[in-house]
Every structure is written in C-alpha cells, then in structure tokens.
C-alpha atoms as a PDB file:
ATOM      1  CA  MET A   1      37.104   2.534   9.252  1.00  0.00           C
ATOM      2  CA  THR A   2      35.838   5.961   8.235  1.00  0.00           C
ATOM      3  CA  SER A   3      33.227   7.527  10.501  1.00  0.00           C
ATOM      4  CA  ARG A   4      31.202  10.690  10.388  1.00  0.00           C
ATOM      5  CA  THR A   5      28.838  12.557  12.680  1.00  0.00           C
ATOM      6  CA  THR A   6      25.956  14.635  11.379  1.00  0.00           C
ATOM      7  CA  THR A   7      24.105  17.169  13.482  1.00  0.00           C
ATOM      8  CA  SER A   8      20.543  18.402  13.173  1.00  0.00           C
ATOM      9  CA  THR A   9      18.094  20.306  15.341  1.00  0.00           C
ATOM     10  CA  VAL A  10      14.586  19.264  16.312  1.00  0.00           C
ATOM     11  CA  THR A  11      12.006  21.489  17.979  1.00  0.00           C
ATOM     12  CA  PHE A  12       9.384  20.375  20.464  1.00  0.00           C
ATOM     13  CA  ALA A  13       6.486  22.770  21.039  1.00  0.00           C
ATOM     14  CA  TYR A  14       5.438  20.952  24.228  1.00  0.00           C
ATOM     15  CA  PRO A  15       7.197  19.092  27.053  1.00  0.00           C
ATOM     16  CA  PHE A  16       7.859  15.479  26.060  1.00  0.00           C
ATOM     17  CA  ILE A  17       9.081  12.097  27.254  1.00  0.00           C
ATOM     18  CA  LEU A  18      11.247   9.757  25.193  1.00  0.00           C
ATOM     19  CA  ALA A  19      10.646   6.034  25.474  1.00  0.00           C
ATOM     20  CA  GLY A  20      13.266   4.460  27.693  1.00  0.00           C
ATOM     21  CA  TYR A  21      13.537   7.523  29.965  1.00  0.00           C
ATOM     22  CA  SER A  22      11.225   8.559  32.779  1.00  0.00           C
ATOM     23  CA  ASP A  23      11.944  12.284  32.992  1.00  0.00           C
ATOM     24  CA  GLU A  24       9.936  14.875  31.101  1.00  0.00           C
ATOM     25  CA  LEU A  25      11.989  17.262  28.999  1.00  0.00           C
ATOM     26  CA  PRO A  26      10.893  20.856  28.416  1.00  0.00           C
ATOM     27  CA  ALA A  27       9.734  22.196  25.079  1.00  0.00           C
ATOM     28  CA  GLY A  28      12.460  23.745  22.965  1.00  0.00           C
ATOM     29  CA  ASP A  29      15.197  23.092  20.426  1.00  0.00           C
ATOM     30  CA  TYR A  30      17.387  20.002  20.790  1.00  0.00           C
ATOM     31  CA  LYS A  31      20.517  19.001  18.875  1.00  0.00           C
ATOM     32  CA  ILE A  32      20.614  15.465  17.471  1.00  0.00           C
ATOM     33  CA  PHE A  33      23.968  13.794  16.718  1.00  0.00           C
ATOM     34  CA  VAL A  34      24.052  10.766  14.405  1.00  0.00           C
ATOM     35  CA  ASP A  35      27.227   8.689  14.192  1.00  0.00           C
ATOM     36  CA  GLU A  36      27.743   6.603  11.054  1.00  0.00           C
ATOM     37  CA  ASP A  37      30.459   4.285   9.759  1.00  0.00           C
ATOM     38  CA  LEU A  38      31.379   3.899   6.115  1.00  0.00           C
ATOM     39  CA  VAL A  39      30.379   0.498   4.736  1.00  0.00           C
ATOM     40  CA  GLU A  40      33.525  -0.740   3.022  1.00  0.00           C
ATOM     41  CA  ASN A  41      34.003  -2.875  -0.099  1.00  0.00           C
ATOM     42  CA  LEU A  42      31.091  -1.347  -2.003  1.00  0.00           C
ATOM     43  CA  SER A  43      31.280   0.315  -5.391  1.00  0.00           C
ATOM     44  CA  PHE A  44      29.540   3.367  -3.920  1.00  0.00           C
ATOM     45  CA  ALA A  45      29.685   5.278  -0.640  1.00  0.00           C
ATOM     46  CA  ALA A  46      27.202   4.073   1.952  1.00  0.00           C
ATOM     47  CA  TYR A  47      27.043   4.713   5.672  1.00  0.00           C
ATOM     48  CA  ARG A  48      25.526   2.652   8.487  1.00  0.00           C
ATOM     49  CA  ARG A  49      24.104   4.395  11.553  1.00  0.00           C
ATOM     50  CA  THR A  50      25.911   3.319  14.693  1.00  0.00           C
ATOM     51  CA  ALA A  51      24.503   5.720  17.312  1.00  0.00           C
ATOM     52  CA  THR A  52      22.059   8.566  17.810  1.00  0.00           C
ATOM     53  CA  HIS A  53      22.325  11.025  20.705  1.00  0.00           C
ATOM     54  CA  LEU A  54      20.125  13.841  21.982  1.00  0.00           C
ATOM     55  CA  ARG A  55      21.945  16.762  23.620  1.00  0.00           C
ATOM     56  CA  ILE A  56      20.139  18.024  26.692  1.00  0.00           C
ATOM     57  CA  GLU A  57      21.306  21.391  27.965  1.00  0.00           C
ATOM     58  CA  GLY A  58      21.308  22.026  31.702  1.00  0.00           C
ATOM     59  CA  GLN A  59      18.105  23.573  33.003  1.00  0.00           C
ATOM     60  CA  THR A  60      20.010  26.527  34.462  1.00  0.00           C
ATOM     61  CA  GLY A  61      22.791  28.594  32.972  1.00  0.00           C
ATOM     62  CA  ALA A  62      25.382  26.676  35.007  1.00  0.00           C
ATOM     63  CA  GLY A  63      23.720  23.276  34.476  1.00  0.00           C
ATOM     64  CA  ARG A  64      25.489  20.352  32.894  1.00  0.00           C
ATOM     65  CA  THR A  65      24.972  19.160  29.339  1.00  0.00           C
ATOM     66  CA  GLU A  66      23.996  15.530  28.797  1.00  0.00           C
ATOM     67  CA  MET A  67      24.426  13.456  25.642  1.00  0.00           C
ATOM     68  CA  ARG A  68      21.613  10.921  25.892  1.00  0.00           C
ATOM     69  CA  PRO A  69      21.674   7.838  23.623  1.00  0.00           C
ATOM     70  CA  ILE A  70      18.291   7.432  21.955  1.00  0.00           C
ATOM     71  CA  ASP A  71      16.523   5.167  19.517  1.00  0.00           C
ATOM     72  CA  PRO A  72      15.749   7.133  16.319  1.00  0.00           C
ATOM     73  CA  GLU A  73      12.292   5.521  16.163  1.00  0.00           C
ATOM     74  CA  ASN A  74      11.493   6.770  19.678  1.00  0.00           C
ATOM     75  CA  LEU A  75      12.568  10.265  18.648  1.00  0.00           C
ATOM     76  CA  GLU A  76      10.321  10.115  15.568  1.00  0.00           C
ATOM     77  CA  ALA A  77       7.404   8.942  17.726  1.00  0.00           C
ATOM     78  CA  ALA A  78       7.910  11.803  20.197  1.00  0.00           C
ATOM     79  CA  LEU A  79       8.068  14.344  17.362  1.00  0.00           C
ATOM     80  CA  TRP A  80       4.910  12.869  15.842  1.00  0.00           C
ATOM     81  CA  ARG A  81       3.055  13.171  19.189  1.00  0.00           C
ATOM     82  CA  ASP A  82       4.234  16.775  19.521  1.00  0.00           C
ATOM     83  CA  HIS A  83       3.064  17.558  15.981  1.00  0.00           C
ATOM     84  CA  LYS A  84      -0.339  15.925  16.559  1.00  0.00           C
ATOM     85  CA  ARG A  85      -0.775  17.918  19.759  1.00  0.00           C
ATOM     86  CA  SER A  86       0.084  21.153  17.927  1.00  0.00           C
ATOM     87  CA  THR A  87      -2.313  20.319  15.091  1.00  0.00           C
ATOM     88  CA  LYS A  88      -5.138  19.510  17.494  1.00  0.00           C
ATOM     89  CA  ILE A  89      -4.746  22.845  19.279  1.00  0.00           C
ATOM     90  CA  ARG A  90      -4.595  24.800  16.020  1.00  0.00           C
ATOM     91  CA  LYS A  91      -7.766  23.104  14.755  1.00  0.00           C
ATOM     92  CA  GLY A  92      -9.565  24.190  17.931  1.00  0.00           C
ATOM     93  CA  GLU A  93      -8.586  27.785  17.273  1.00  0.00           C
ATOM     94  CA  ALA A  94      -9.450  27.637  13.563  1.00  0.00           C
ATOM     95  CA  ALA A  95     -13.068  28.621  14.165  1.00  0.00           C
ATOM     96  CA  LEU A  96     -11.952  32.208  14.826  1.00  0.00           C
ATOM     97  CA  SER A  97     -10.876  34.438  12.005  1.00  0.00           C
ATOM     98  CA  PRO A  98      -7.238  35.528  12.384  1.00  0.00           C
ATOM     99  CA  LEU A  99      -8.455  39.127  12.150  1.00  0.00           C
ATOM    100  CA  GLU A 100     -11.264  38.710  14.672  1.00  0.00           C
ATOM    101  CA  ASP A 101     -10.681  40.535  17.937  1.00  0.00           C
ATOM    102  CA  ARG A 102     -10.752  37.885  20.642  1.00  0.00           C
ATOM    103  CA  SER A 103     -11.681  40.449  23.298  1.00  0.00           C
ATOM    104  CA  SER A 104     -15.066  40.907  21.610  1.00  0.00           C
ATOM    105  CA  LEU A 105     -15.846  37.302  22.500  1.00  0.00           C
ATOM    106  CA  SER A 106     -15.802  37.926  26.243  1.00  0.00           C
ATOM    107  CA  PRO A 107     -19.188  38.365  27.974  1.00  0.00           C
ATOM    108  CA  ASN A 108     -18.148  41.842  29.151  1.00  0.00           C
ATOM    109  CA  GLY A 109     -16.757  42.899  25.760  1.00  0.00           C
END
C-alpha cells in the first residue's frame, strides 16, 4: 500500500489546550503531520487519512520533542478558539485610531 505524509504549520497566538490532553501548550508555531494511505482499485488517486500528529518541541533548548496523536477536529476547534480570542481582542482595540498616540490617553498625558 502506498502511503504519504504531508506537513503543515499552524500558529497559535495564545496558550491552548487540545481535547484529550490536560496540559496547556504555549503560543507559537506547531508542525502538523498527516499520514494518508492510497485508496486502491479506483480509477483516480484518492488518499484516506490514517493519522494526524502534532509535534511539540521541548520547552528548553535541550528538551525532548514529542509527536502527539491528535484528532483533526480537536485541532480545528482549538484553532477556532484561538482565532475568536484574537478577534475579540482586536475589536476592543479598534476604537483607537492606528495613528493615535496611546500615551495621550493617560490621565497624566
């Protein structure tokens, strides 16, 4: 059977937790590895996902790297929560003009 692995990168702006795991992971870039097998006996090429893994780098320079099996739907949900959190914060800051000097808003300014 023919297999392939594709790699992508996701970015979390805030610390997050993936369903099925209790530890909080720090914000940052994470590599995603998707393993797929070729579906045979078709008149066209089609692949079926067999596994998805999140690579977690060690917290220190000498830390170990972990390949954590994850559910793609849980990853999508975590990314959605991160995006909503980012959007909510940006909307709160939208009242200020990007050119407005924030220091002029202080009571002593």
